[in-house]
Amino acid sequence: MRTAPSSAERLTRNIALGGTLALALLCLGWELWWAPIGRGTLAIKALPLFVPLLGLWRYRLYTFRWLSLLVWVYVAEGAVRGSSDSGLSAWLGWAELLLAVAIFAACAAHVRQRLAAARKAAL
């Protein structure tokens, strides 16, 4: 039986949820309006970021685990485009990198908190 989330769990969930939503909107805005490459077909990269939103909202531990792996794709893309592009596209790349790292840190902290609470409850 799951107890009510602690304040630390709520904080890490809110950071992961807000960061994921912000990263999805950044990817959409980047590829559709601000600095598109081609016809904006790269906006499809934002779609996987909408999938975990419900699981994050419901504190699903499995969602936090797989999202912490997924965001490394966005870290890599942000690092490449931030260091190789110029102008607005470079700034958007660095913003993507920072958001993805924040999501990873929040997910990792949340998983650690939940596993520690489960170990404590088992004792």
N, C-alpha and C. Protein backbone atom coordinates (compact mmCIF):
# COMPACT_ATOMS: atom_id res chain seq x y z
N MET A 1 0.84 -1.19 0.00
CA MET A 1 0.00 0.00 0.00
C MET A 1 0.88 1.25 0.00
N ARG A 2 0.65 2.13 -0.92
CA ARG A 2 1.43 3.35 -1.07
C ARG A 2 0.90 4.41 -0.13
N THR A 3 1.80 5.04 0.61
CA THR A 3 1.41 6.13 1.49
C THR A 3 1.44 7.45 0.72
N ALA A 4 1.03 8.50 1.38
CA ALA A 4 1.06 9.82 0.75
C ALA A 4 2.50 10.22 0.48
N PRO A 5 2.76 10.89 -0.64
CA PRO A 5 4.13 11.28 -0.96
C PRO A 5 4.67 12.31 0.02
N SER A 6 5.95 12.21 0.30
CA SER A 6 6.60 13.18 1.17
C SER A 6 6.80 14.49 0.42
N SER A 7 7.20 15.51 1.14
CA SER A 7 7.42 16.80 0.50
C SER A 7 8.58 16.73 -0.49
N ALA A 8 9.62 15.93 -0.17
CA ALA A 8 10.74 15.78 -1.10
C ALA A 8 10.30 15.05 -2.37
N GLU A 9 9.44 14.05 -2.22
CA GLU A 9 8.92 13.34 -3.39
C GLU A 9 8.06 14.26 -4.25
N ARG A 10 7.26 15.10 -3.61
CA ARG A 10 6.44 16.04 -4.37
C ARG A 10 7.32 17.03 -5.13
N LEU A 11 8.40 17.49 -4.47
CA LEU A 11 9.30 18.44 -5.12
C LEU A 11 9.97 17.83 -6.35
N THR A 12 10.52 16.63 -6.20
CA THR A 12 11.19 16.00 -7.34
C THR A 12 10.20 15.65 -8.44
N ARG A 13 8.99 15.26 -8.07
CA ARG A 13 7.96 14.98 -9.08
C ARG A 13 7.61 16.25 -9.83
N ASN A 14 7.45 17.35 -9.11
CA ASN A 14 7.08 18.61 -9.76
C ASN A 14 8.19 19.12 -10.68
N ILE A 15 9.44 18.94 -10.27
CA ILE A 15 10.56 19.35 -11.14
C ILE A 15 10.59 18.49 -12.40
N ALA A 16 10.42 17.16 -12.22
CA ALA A 16 10.43 16.27 -13.38
C ALA A 16 9.25 16.55 -14.31
N LEU A 17 8.09 16.76 -13.73
CA LEU A 17 6.89 17.02 -14.53
C LEU A 17 6.99 18.35 -15.26
N GLY A 18 7.36 19.39 -14.55
CA GLY A 18 7.50 20.70 -15.18
C GLY A 18 8.61 20.73 -16.21
N GLY A 19 9.73 20.09 -15.89
CA GLY A 19 10.84 20.05 -16.83
C GLY A 19 10.51 19.29 -18.10
N THR A 20 9.78 18.19 -17.95
CA THR A 20 9.39 17.41 -19.13
C THR A 20 8.44 18.19 -20.02
N LEU A 21 7.48 18.84 -19.41
CA LEU A 21 6.55 19.66 -20.18
C LEU A 21 7.28 20.83 -20.85
N ALA A 22 8.18 21.48 -20.11
CA ALA A 22 8.94 22.59 -20.68
C ALA A 22 9.83 22.12 -21.83
N LEU A 23 10.45 20.95 -21.68
CA LEU A 23 11.31 20.43 -22.75
C LEU A 23 10.48 20.08 -23.98
N ALA A 24 9.31 19.52 -23.79
CA ALA A 24 8.45 19.21 -24.94
C ALA A 24 8.04 20.49 -25.67
N LEU A 25 7.67 21.51 -24.92
CA LEU A 25 7.27 22.77 -25.54
C LEU A 25 8.45 23.47 -26.19
N LEU A 26 9.65 23.36 -25.59
CA LEU A 26 10.85 23.91 -26.20
C LEU A 26 11.13 23.23 -27.53
N CYS A 27 11.03 21.91 -27.56
CA CYS A 27 11.29 21.18 -28.81
C CYS A 27 10.28 21.56 -29.89
N LEU A 28 9.01 21.69 -29.51
CA LEU A 28 7.99 22.09 -30.49
C LEU A 28 8.25 23.50 -31.01
N GLY A 29 8.46 24.44 -30.10
CA GLY A 29 8.70 25.82 -30.52
C GLY A 29 9.95 25.97 -31.35
N TRP A 30 10.98 25.25 -30.98
CA TRP A 30 12.26 25.31 -31.70
C TRP A 30 12.10 24.85 -33.13
N GLU A 31 11.46 23.71 -33.32
CA GLU A 31 11.39 23.12 -34.66
C GLU A 31 10.24 23.64 -35.51
N LEU A 32 9.26 24.28 -34.89
CA LEU A 32 8.13 24.80 -35.68
C LEU A 32 8.21 26.30 -35.94
N TRP A 33 8.76 27.08 -34.98
CA TRP A 33 8.72 28.53 -35.14
C TRP A 33 10.06 29.22 -35.01
N TRP A 34 10.82 28.96 -33.95
CA TRP A 34 11.97 29.80 -33.62
C TRP A 34 13.17 29.58 -34.53
N ALA A 35 13.58 28.32 -34.75
CA ALA A 35 14.76 28.05 -35.58
C ALA A 35 14.59 26.70 -36.27
N PRO A 36 13.57 26.57 -37.12
CA PRO A 36 13.31 25.25 -37.72
C PRO A 36 14.39 24.84 -38.73
N ILE A 37 14.56 23.55 -38.81
CA ILE A 37 15.44 22.96 -39.84
C ILE A 37 14.51 22.29 -40.84
N GLY A 38 14.56 22.68 -42.06
CA GLY A 38 13.69 22.09 -43.08
C GLY A 38 12.26 22.56 -42.91
N ARG A 39 11.34 21.63 -42.98
CA ARG A 39 9.91 21.96 -42.92
C ARG A 39 9.32 21.75 -41.53
N GLY A 40 10.14 21.62 -40.51
CA GLY A 40 9.64 21.42 -39.16
C GLY A 40 9.33 19.99 -38.82
N THR A 41 9.83 19.06 -39.63
CA THR A 41 9.55 17.65 -39.36
C THR A 41 10.26 17.14 -38.11
N LEU A 42 11.30 17.84 -37.66
CA LEU A 42 11.99 17.43 -36.44
C LEU A 42 11.16 17.69 -35.18
N ALA A 43 10.02 18.35 -35.34
CA ALA A 43 9.14 18.58 -34.19
C ALA A 43 8.61 17.27 -33.64
N ILE A 44 8.70 16.22 -34.41
CA ILE A 44 8.24 14.91 -33.95
C ILE A 44 9.06 14.43 -32.75
N LYS A 45 10.24 15.00 -32.55
CA LYS A 45 11.07 14.60 -31.42
C LYS A 45 10.42 14.97 -30.08
N ALA A 46 9.43 15.85 -30.09
CA ALA A 46 8.75 16.24 -28.85
C ALA A 46 7.69 15.22 -28.44
N LEU A 47 7.22 14.40 -29.35
CA LEU A 47 6.14 13.46 -29.03
C LEU A 47 6.47 12.49 -27.90
N PRO A 48 7.66 11.88 -27.85
CA PRO A 48 7.93 10.97 -26.73
C PRO A 48 7.89 11.64 -25.37
N LEU A 49 8.03 12.94 -25.32
CA LEU A 49 8.02 13.64 -24.03
C LEU A 49 6.61 13.83 -23.47
N PHE A 50 5.60 13.69 -24.30
CA PHE A 50 4.23 13.79 -23.80
C PHE A 50 3.74 12.47 -23.19
N VAL A 51 4.38 11.38 -23.54
CA VAL A 51 3.96 10.06 -23.05
C VAL A 51 4.10 9.92 -21.53
N PRO A 52 5.21 10.35 -20.91
CA PRO A 52 5.36 10.12 -19.47
C PRO A 52 4.60 11.09 -18.57
N LEU A 53 3.95 12.10 -19.11
CA LEU A 53 3.33 13.12 -18.26
C LEU A 53 2.30 12.54 -17.29
N LEU A 54 1.46 11.65 -17.74
CA LEU A 54 0.45 11.06 -16.86
C LEU A 54 1.10 10.20 -15.79
N GLY A 55 2.10 9.42 -16.16
CA GLY A 55 2.80 8.59 -15.18
C GLY A 55 3.52 9.43 -14.14
N LEU A 56 4.10 10.55 -14.55
CA LEU A 56 4.73 11.45 -13.59
C LEU A 56 3.70 12.05 -12.65
N TRP A 57 2.57 12.44 -13.20
CA TRP A 57 1.51 13.03 -12.39
C TRP A 57 1.01 12.04 -11.33
N ARG A 58 0.98 10.77 -11.68
CA ARG A 58 0.48 9.73 -10.77
C ARG A 58 1.57 9.06 -9.93
N TYR A 59 2.77 9.62 -9.95
CA TYR A 59 3.90 9.11 -9.16
C TYR A 59 4.26 7.67 -9.52
N ARG A 60 4.17 7.28 -10.76
CA ARG A 60 4.53 5.92 -11.18
C ARG A 60 6.06 5.79 -11.20
N LEU A 61 6.57 4.92 -10.35
CA LEU A 61 8.02 4.75 -10.22
C LEU A 61 8.64 4.29 -11.53
N TYR A 62 7.97 3.40 -12.23
CA TYR A 62 8.49 2.90 -13.50
C TYR A 62 8.66 4.04 -14.50
N THR A 63 7.76 5.00 -14.51
CA THR A 63 7.86 6.15 -15.42
C THR A 63 9.10 6.98 -15.12
N PHE A 64 9.36 7.20 -13.84
CA PHE A 64 10.56 7.96 -13.46
C PHE A 64 11.82 7.23 -13.92
N ARG A 65 11.80 5.91 -13.83
CA ARG A 65 12.97 5.13 -14.21
C ARG A 65 13.25 5.21 -15.71
N TRP A 66 12.22 4.99 -16.54
CA TRP A 66 12.51 4.99 -17.98
C TRP A 66 12.68 6.41 -18.53
N LEU A 67 12.06 7.39 -17.89
CA LEU A 67 12.27 8.77 -18.34
C LEU A 67 13.71 9.21 -18.07
N SER A 68 14.29 8.72 -16.97
CA SER A 68 15.67 9.09 -16.68
C SER A 68 16.63 8.53 -17.74
N LEU A 69 16.24 7.51 -18.45
CA LEU A 69 17.05 6.99 -19.55
C LEU A 69 16.74 7.72 -20.86
N LEU A 70 15.47 8.04 -21.09
CA LEU A 70 15.06 8.71 -22.33
C LEU A 70 15.70 10.09 -22.49
N VAL A 71 15.83 10.82 -21.40
CA VAL A 71 16.30 12.20 -21.52
C VAL A 71 17.73 12.30 -22.01
N TRP A 72 18.50 11.22 -21.96
CA TRP A 72 19.88 11.29 -22.45
C TRP A 72 19.93 11.51 -23.96
N VAL A 73 18.88 11.14 -24.67
CA VAL A 73 18.81 11.45 -26.10
C VAL A 73 18.76 12.97 -26.30
N TYR A 74 18.00 13.64 -25.45
CA TYR A 74 17.87 15.09 -25.53
C TYR A 74 19.13 15.79 -25.03
N VAL A 75 19.82 15.21 -24.06
CA VAL A 75 21.11 15.75 -23.62
C VAL A 75 22.10 15.73 -24.78
N ALA A 76 22.16 14.59 -25.47
CA ALA A 76 23.09 14.46 -26.59
C ALA A 76 22.76 15.44 -27.70
N GLU A 77 21.47 15.55 -28.05
CA GLU A 77 21.11 16.48 -29.11
C GLU A 77 21.39 17.92 -28.71
N GLY A 78 21.08 18.28 -27.47
CA GLY A 78 21.34 19.63 -27.00
C GLY A 78 22.82 19.97 -27.00
N ALA A 79 23.66 19.00 -26.62
CA ALA A 79 25.11 19.24 -26.61
C ALA A 79 25.64 19.42 -28.03
N VAL A 80 25.16 18.58 -28.95
CA VAL A 80 25.64 18.67 -30.34
C VAL A 80 25.18 19.98 -30.98
N ARG A 81 23.90 20.29 -30.84
CA ARG A 81 23.39 21.50 -31.51
C ARG A 81 23.83 22.76 -30.79
N GLY A 82 24.03 22.69 -29.49
CA GLY A 82 24.52 23.86 -28.77
C GLY A 82 25.95 24.21 -29.12
N SER A 83 26.75 23.20 -29.40
CA SER A 83 28.15 23.46 -29.70
C SER A 83 28.44 23.60 -31.20
N SER A 84 27.55 23.15 -32.04
CA SER A 84 27.83 23.22 -33.48
C SER A 84 27.01 24.28 -34.21
N ASP A 85 25.82 24.60 -33.74
CA ASP A 85 25.00 25.62 -34.39
C ASP A 85 25.46 27.00 -33.93
N SER A 86 24.83 28.00 -34.50
CA SER A 86 25.14 29.37 -34.09
C SER A 86 23.83 30.13 -33.89
N GLY A 87 23.92 31.23 -33.18
CA GLY A 87 22.76 32.08 -32.97
C GLY A 87 21.74 31.48 -32.02
N LEU A 88 20.48 31.71 -32.35
CA LEU A 88 19.38 31.25 -31.51
C LEU A 88 19.36 29.73 -31.37
N SER A 89 19.69 29.02 -32.41
CA SER A 89 19.67 27.57 -32.38
C SER A 89 20.67 27.03 -31.35
N ALA A 90 21.82 27.66 -31.22
CA ALA A 90 22.80 27.24 -30.21
C ALA A 90 22.26 27.46 -28.80
N TRP A 91 21.63 28.60 -28.57
CA TRP A 91 21.05 28.86 -27.25
C TRP A 91 19.94 27.88 -26.93
N LEU A 92 19.13 27.55 -27.91
CA LEU A 92 18.07 26.57 -27.69
C LEU A 92 18.66 25.19 -27.39
N GLY A 93 19.77 24.86 -28.04
CA GLY A 93 20.45 23.59 -27.76
C GLY A 93 20.93 23.51 -26.33
N TRP A 94 21.54 24.59 -25.84
CA TRP A 94 22.00 24.60 -24.45
C TRP A 94 20.83 24.56 -23.48
N ALA A 95 19.72 25.22 -23.82
CA ALA A 95 18.53 25.16 -22.97
C ALA A 95 17.97 23.73 -22.92
N GLU A 96 17.97 23.06 -24.07
CA GLU A 96 17.52 21.67 -24.12
C GLU A 96 18.40 20.80 -23.23
N LEU A 97 19.70 20.99 -23.30
CA LEU A 97 20.63 20.23 -22.48
C LEU A 97 20.37 20.46 -21.00
N LEU A 98 20.21 21.70 -20.58
CA LEU A 98 19.98 22.00 -19.17
C LEU A 98 18.66 21.43 -18.67
N LEU A 99 17.61 21.54 -19.46
CA LEU A 99 16.33 20.97 -19.05
C LEU A 99 16.40 19.45 -18.92
N ALA A 100 17.06 18.81 -19.87
CA ALA A 100 17.17 17.35 -19.83
C ALA A 100 17.98 16.87 -18.63
N VAL A 101 19.05 17.59 -18.29
CA VAL A 101 19.84 17.22 -17.11
C VAL A 101 19.03 17.44 -15.84
N ALA A 102 18.24 18.51 -15.79
CA ALA A 102 17.39 18.75 -14.62
C ALA A 102 16.35 17.65 -14.47
N ILE A 103 15.78 17.20 -15.58
CA ILE A 103 14.80 16.11 -15.53
C ILE A 103 15.47 14.84 -15.02
N PHE A 104 16.67 14.54 -15.53
CA PHE A 104 17.38 13.35 -15.07
C PHE A 104 17.65 13.42 -13.57
N ALA A 105 18.15 14.56 -13.11
CA ALA A 105 18.46 14.69 -11.68
C ALA A 105 17.21 14.53 -10.82
N ALA A 106 16.10 15.11 -11.26
CA ALA A 106 14.86 14.99 -10.51
C ALA A 106 14.35 13.54 -10.49
N CYS A 107 14.42 12.87 -11.63
CA CYS A 107 13.98 11.47 -11.69
C CYS A 107 14.86 10.57 -10.84
N ALA A 108 16.17 10.78 -10.91
CA ALA A 108 17.09 9.96 -10.12
C ALA A 108 16.87 10.19 -8.62
N ALA A 109 16.69 11.43 -8.22
CA ALA A 109 16.43 11.73 -6.82
C ALA A 109 15.11 11.12 -6.36
N HIS A 110 14.11 11.19 -7.20
CA HIS A 110 12.80 10.64 -6.85
C HIS A 110 12.87 9.13 -6.66
N VAL A 111 13.54 8.45 -7.57
CA VAL A 111 13.67 6.99 -7.47
C VAL A 111 14.43 6.63 -6.20
N ARG A 112 15.51 7.34 -5.90
CA ARG A 112 16.28 7.06 -4.68
C ARG A 112 15.42 7.27 -3.44
N GLN A 113 14.63 8.33 -3.40
CA GLN A 113 13.77 8.60 -2.25
C GLN A 113 12.73 7.50 -2.07
N ARG A 114 12.12 7.10 -3.17
CA ARG A 114 11.09 6.07 -3.08
C ARG A 114 11.66 4.73 -2.64
N LEU A 115 12.83 4.36 -3.16
CA LEU A 115 13.43 3.09 -2.78
C LEU A 115 13.89 3.12 -1.33
N ALA A 116 14.41 4.24 -0.87
CA ALA A 116 14.81 4.37 0.54
C ALA A 116 13.59 4.27 1.45
N ALA A 117 12.49 4.89 1.05
CA ALA A 117 11.27 4.82 1.85
C ALA A 117 10.73 3.38 1.88
N ALA A 118 10.84 2.68 0.78
CA ALA A 118 10.37 1.29 0.75
C ALA A 118 11.23 0.41 1.64
N ARG A 119 12.56 0.62 1.62
CA ARG A 119 13.45 -0.15 2.49
C ARG A 119 13.14 0.14 3.96
N LYS A 120 12.90 1.40 4.26
CA LYS A 120 12.60 1.79 5.64
C LYS A 120 11.28 1.17 6.10
N ALA A 121 10.31 1.16 5.21
CA ALA A 121 9.00 0.58 5.56
C ALA A 121 9.08 -0.93 5.73
N ALA A 122 9.99 -1.57 4.99
CA ALA A 122 10.13 -3.02 5.08
C ALA A 122 10.76 -3.44 6.41
N LEU A 123 11.54 -2.54 7.00
CA LEU A 123 12.17 -2.84 8.30
C LEU A 123 11.17 -2.63 9.37
